[in-house]
Amino acid sequence: MASVLAHVNEVWDRQRKNSPIYALLLENVELYHAEPGLIKARLPISSLHSNSKGTVHGTLSACVVDWAAGMAIVSHGATSTGVSTDLSVSYLSTAKEGDIVEIEGRTGKVGKTLAFTTVTMSKEVNGKSTIVIQGSHTKYVRQ
């Protein structure tokens, strides 16, 4: 069986081809770690991801939560990321063009019909990790 990272990247490649919004906003995301229940990725922030004030747009934040939650679900061996039932984003700091954000998606529980996930997006400031957003996402996963 392929490694967890290889499996998650395979699903991600398929999903990216079928999702214009993911292809646009997450074109440069690097998914570099996956184990059951956890994925890690990084994304360089560009002008495409920015609002009128030059900081990360809420659209990107919600997109990242949706994507990372789905990839965390896939890390359990699933071939589908599920259907959103609830998504929440808390904005704790901000990032701007040129920053590289770290994305971590975790599953809290993947049951028979629902999966509960958390996502954190952070950046490094003066050698210290600063959380930019925290999100939670519940997905319907019955297959």
C-alpha atoms as a PDB file:
ATOM      1  CA  MET A   1       0.000   0.000   0.000  1.00  0.00           C
ATOM      2  CA  ALA A   2       1.185   3.494  -0.801  1.00  0.00           C
ATOM      3  CA  SER A   3       2.312   5.764   1.989  1.00  0.00           C
ATOM      4  CA  VAL A   4      -0.246   7.994   3.684  1.00  0.00           C
ATOM      5  CA  LEU A   5       1.340  11.078   2.091  1.00  0.00           C
ATOM      6  CA  ALA A   6       1.254   9.493  -1.378  1.00  0.00           C
ATOM      7  CA  HIS A   7      -2.421   8.562  -0.916  1.00  0.00           C
ATOM      8  CA  VAL A   8      -3.391  12.049   0.270  1.00  0.00           C
ATOM      9  CA  ASN A   9      -1.466  13.669  -2.599  1.00  0.00           C
ATOM     10  CA  GLU A  10      -3.194  11.345  -5.083  1.00  0.00           C
ATOM     11  CA  VAL A  11      -6.631  12.379  -3.819  1.00  0.00           C
ATOM     12  CA  TRP A  12      -5.514  16.036  -3.761  1.00  0.00           C
ATOM     13  CA  ASP A  13      -4.318  15.860  -7.382  1.00  0.00           C
ATOM     14  CA  ARG A  14      -7.679  14.417  -8.458  1.00  0.00           C
ATOM     15  CA  GLN A  15      -9.624  16.972  -6.431  1.00  0.00           C
ATOM     16  CA  ARG A  16      -7.587  19.925  -7.707  1.00  0.00           C
ATOM     17  CA  LYS A  17      -8.374  18.970 -11.328  1.00  0.00           C
ATOM     18  CA  ASN A  18     -12.102  18.923 -10.560  1.00  0.00           C
ATOM     19  CA  SER A  19     -12.297  22.076  -8.444  1.00  0.00           C
ATOM     20  CA  PRO A  20     -11.608  25.428 -10.126  1.00  0.00           C
ATOM     21  CA  ILE A  21     -11.564  27.293  -6.785  1.00  0.00           C
ATOM     22  CA  TYR A  22      -8.997  24.913  -5.270  1.00  0.00           C
ATOM     23  CA  ALA A  23      -6.941  25.056  -8.467  1.00  0.00           C
ATOM     24  CA  LEU A  24      -6.959  28.859  -8.285  1.00  0.00           C
ATOM     25  CA  LEU A  25      -6.423  29.562  -4.583  1.00  0.00           C
ATOM     26  CA  LEU A  26      -4.325  26.524  -3.652  1.00  0.00           C
ATOM     27  CA  GLU A  27      -2.255  26.145  -6.797  1.00  0.00           C
ATOM     28  CA  ASN A  28       1.005  26.592  -4.850  1.00  0.00           C
ATOM     29  CA  VAL A  29       0.147  24.674  -1.692  1.00  0.00           C
ATOM     30  CA  GLU A  30       2.800  22.116  -0.740  1.00  0.00           C
ATOM     31  CA  LEU A  31       1.416  19.128   1.121  1.00  0.00           C
ATOM     32  CA  TYR A  32       4.557  17.768   2.793  1.00  0.00           C
ATOM     33  CA  HIS A  33       3.407  15.544   5.669  1.00  0.00           C
ATOM     34  CA  ALA A  34       0.542  13.127   6.249  1.00  0.00           C
ATOM     35  CA  GLU A  35      -0.163  10.466   8.814  1.00  0.00           C
ATOM     36  CA  PRO A  36      -3.534   9.094   9.894  1.00  0.00           C
ATOM     37  CA  GLY A  37      -5.473  12.032  11.303  1.00  0.00           C
ATOM     38  CA  LEU A  38      -2.905  14.748  10.480  1.00  0.00           C
ATOM     39  CA  ILE A  39      -1.743  16.649   7.423  1.00  0.00           C
ATOM     40  CA  LYS A  40       0.758  19.497   7.157  1.00  0.00           C
ATOM     41  CA  ALA A  41       1.207  21.882   4.267  1.00  0.00           C
ATOM     42  CA  ARG A  42       2.625  25.297   3.485  1.00  0.00           C
ATOM     43  CA  LEU A  43       1.375  28.032   1.232  1.00  0.00           C
ATOM     44  CA  PRO A  44       3.144  31.200   0.092  1.00  0.00           C
ATOM     45  CA  ILE A  45       0.701  34.100   0.334  1.00  0.00           C
ATOM     46  CA  SER A  46       0.342  36.059  -2.914  1.00  0.00           C
ATOM     47  CA  SER A  47      -1.739  39.020  -4.055  1.00  0.00           C
ATOM     48  CA  LEU A  48      -4.351  36.480  -5.195  1.00  0.00           C
ATOM     49  CA  HIS A  49      -4.960  35.627  -1.518  1.00  0.00           C
ATOM     50  CA  SER A  50      -5.205  39.224  -0.302  1.00  0.00           C
ATOM     51  CA  ASN A  51      -8.063  41.561   0.519  1.00  0.00           C
ATOM     52  CA  SER A  52      -8.133  45.312  -0.206  1.00  0.00           C
ATOM     53  CA  LYS A  53      -5.930  45.951   2.850  1.00  0.00           C
ATOM     54  CA  GLY A  54      -3.232  43.584   1.570  1.00  0.00           C
ATOM     55  CA  THR A  55      -3.810  40.865   4.150  1.00  0.00           C
ATOM     56  CA  VAL A  56      -5.207  37.346   3.867  1.00  0.00           C
ATOM     57  CA  HIS A  57      -8.785  37.385   2.598  1.00  0.00           C
ATOM     58  CA  GLY A  58     -11.480  35.507   4.510  1.00  0.00           C
ATOM     59  CA  THR A  59     -12.264  33.562   1.355  1.00  0.00           C
ATOM     60  CA  LEU A  60      -8.817  31.976   1.456  1.00  0.00           C
ATOM     61  CA  SER A  61      -9.179  31.200   5.162  1.00  0.00           C
ATOM     62  CA  ALA A  62     -12.448  29.324   4.649  1.00  0.00           C
ATOM     63  CA  CYS A  63     -11.021  27.569   1.600  1.00  0.00           C
ATOM     64  CA  VAL A  64      -7.977  26.414   3.597  1.00  0.00           C
ATOM     65  CA  VAL A  65     -10.174  25.078   6.411  1.00  0.00           C
ATOM     66  CA  ASP A  66     -12.352  23.179   3.935  1.00  0.00           C
ATOM     67  CA  TRP A  67      -9.365  21.766   2.059  1.00  0.00           C
ATOM     68  CA  ALA A  68      -7.175  20.804   5.038  1.00  0.00           C
ATOM     69  CA  ALA A  69     -10.115  19.182   6.837  1.00  0.00           C
ATOM     70  CA  GLY A  70     -10.836  17.068   3.773  1.00  0.00           C
ATOM     71  CA  MET A  71      -7.208  16.051   3.403  1.00  0.00           C
ATOM     72  CA  ALA A  72      -7.067  15.082   7.092  1.00  0.00           C
ATOM     73  CA  ILE A  73     -10.103  12.833   6.537  1.00  0.00           C
ATOM     74  CA  VAL A  74      -8.424  11.298   3.489  1.00  0.00           C
ATOM     75  CA  SER A  75      -5.334  10.566   5.614  1.00  0.00           C
ATOM     76  CA  HIS A  76      -7.363   7.755   7.227  1.00  0.00           C
ATOM     77  CA  GLY A  77      -7.464   5.980   3.860  1.00  0.00           C
ATOM     78  CA  ALA A  78     -10.715   7.453   2.554  1.00  0.00           C
ATOM     79  CA  THR A  79     -11.012   8.302  -1.122  1.00  0.00           C
ATOM     80  CA  SER A  80     -13.555  11.080  -0.543  1.00  0.00           C
ATOM     81  CA  THR A  81     -13.285  14.184   1.612  1.00  0.00           C
ATOM     82  CA  GLY A  82     -16.947  14.279   2.631  1.00  0.00           C
ATOM     83  CA  VAL A  83     -19.622  16.964   2.380  1.00  0.00           C
ATOM     84  CA  SER A  84     -19.555  20.074   4.559  1.00  0.00           C
ATOM     85  CA  THR A  85     -22.174  20.361   7.277  1.00  0.00           C
ATOM     86  CA  ASP A  86     -20.570  23.106   9.374  1.00  0.00           C
ATOM     87  CA  LEU A  87     -17.505  25.315   9.000  1.00  0.00           C
ATOM     88  CA  SER A  88     -16.206  27.923  11.424  1.00  0.00           C
ATOM     89  CA  VAL A  89     -13.180  30.214  11.203  1.00  0.00           C
ATOM     90  CA  SER A  90     -11.664  32.333  13.970  1.00  0.00           C
ATOM     91  CA  TYR A  91      -9.274  35.101  12.907  1.00  0.00           C
ATOM     92  CA  LEU A  92      -6.474  35.526  15.451  1.00  0.00           C
ATOM     93  CA  SER A  93      -3.832  37.386  13.450  1.00  0.00           C
ATOM     94  CA  THR A  94      -3.112  38.068   9.811  1.00  0.00           C
ATOM     95  CA  ALA A  95      -0.663  37.273   7.054  1.00  0.00           C
ATOM     96  CA  LYS A  96       0.337  39.332   4.030  1.00  0.00           C
ATOM     97  CA  GLU A  97       1.795  38.849   0.586  1.00  0.00           C
ATOM     98  CA  GLY A  98       5.219  37.237   0.853  1.00  0.00           C
ATOM     99  CA  ASP A  99       4.461  35.370   4.088  1.00  0.00           C
ATOM    100  CA  ILE A 100       4.562  31.589   4.010  1.00  0.00           C
ATOM    101  CA  VAL A 101       1.837  30.070   6.144  1.00  0.00           C
ATOM    102  CA  GLU A 102       1.898  26.630   7.699  1.00  0.00           C
ATOM    103  CA  ILE A 103      -1.347  24.677   7.546  1.00  0.00           C
ATOM    104  CA  GLU A 104      -2.192  21.820   9.871  1.00  0.00           C
ATOM    105  CA  GLY A 105      -5.362  19.755   9.502  1.00  0.00           C
ATOM    106  CA  ARG A 106      -6.388  17.242  12.183  1.00  0.00           C
ATOM    107  CA  THR A 107      -9.248  14.868  12.638  1.00  0.00           C
ATOM    108  CA  GLY A 108     -10.738  14.758  16.105  1.00  0.00           C
ATOM    109  CA  LYS A 109     -13.104  11.920  15.287  1.00  0.00           C
ATOM    110  CA  VAL A 110     -14.100  10.194  12.086  1.00  0.00           C
ATOM    111  CA  GLY A 111     -17.297   8.259  12.717  1.00  0.00           C
ATOM    112  CA  LYS A 112     -19.694   6.307  10.532  1.00  0.00           C
ATOM    113  CA  THR A 113     -21.455   9.404   9.218  1.00  0.00           C
ATOM    114  CA  LEU A 114     -19.639  12.502  10.520  1.00  0.00           C
ATOM    115  CA  ALA A 115     -16.039  13.632  10.763  1.00  0.00           C
ATOM    116  CA  PHE A 116     -14.950  16.395  13.125  1.00  0.00           C
ATOM    117  CA  THR A 117     -11.794  18.301  12.214  1.00  0.00           C
ATOM    118  CA  THR A 118      -9.701  21.272  13.261  1.00  0.00           C
ATOM    119  CA  VAL A 119      -7.417  23.370  11.097  1.00  0.00           C
ATOM    120  CA  THR A 120      -4.739  25.868  12.076  1.00  0.00           C
ATOM    121  CA  MET A 121      -2.954  28.273   9.756  1.00  0.00           C
ATOM    122  CA  SER A 122       0.092  29.985  11.258  1.00  0.00           C
ATOM    123  CA  LYS A 123       3.148  31.977  10.285  1.00  0.00           C
ATOM    124  CA  GLU A 124       6.552  32.484  11.814  1.00  0.00           C
ATOM    125  CA  VAL A 125       7.289  35.878  13.358  1.00  0.00           C
ATOM    126  CA  ASN A 126      10.704  36.519  14.907  1.00  0.00           C
ATOM    127  CA  GLY A 127      11.326  32.791  15.241  1.00  0.00           C
ATOM    128  CA  LYS A 128       7.980  32.205  16.960  1.00  0.00           C
ATOM    129  CA  SER A 129       4.863  30.599  15.469  1.00  0.00           C
ATOM    130  CA  THR A 130       1.841  32.925  15.400  1.00  0.00           C
ATOM    131  CA  ILE A 131      -1.618  31.521  14.694  1.00  0.00           C
ATOM    132  CA  VAL A 132      -3.373  33.362  11.875  1.00  0.00           C
ATOM    133  CA  ILE A 133      -6.625  31.395  11.807  1.00  0.00           C
ATOM    134  CA  GLN A 134      -8.172  28.448  13.586  1.00  0.00           C
ATOM    135  CA  GLY A 135     -11.061  26.595  12.087  1.00  0.00           C
ATOM    136  CA  SER A 136     -13.335  23.701  12.778  1.00  0.00           C
ATOM    137  CA  HIS A 137     -15.143  21.753  10.136  1.00  0.00           C
ATOM    138  CA  THR A 138     -17.707  18.982  10.353  1.00  0.00           C
ATOM    139  CA  LYS A 139     -18.233  16.801   7.296  1.00  0.00           C
ATOM    140  CA  TYR A 140     -20.722  14.130   6.367  1.00  0.00           C
ATOM    141  CA  VAL A 141     -18.612  11.125   5.394  1.00  0.00           C
ATOM    142  CA  ARG A 142     -20.959   8.157   5.028  1.00  0.00           C
ATOM    143  CA  GLN A 143     -20.079   6.326   1.839  1.00  0.00           C
END
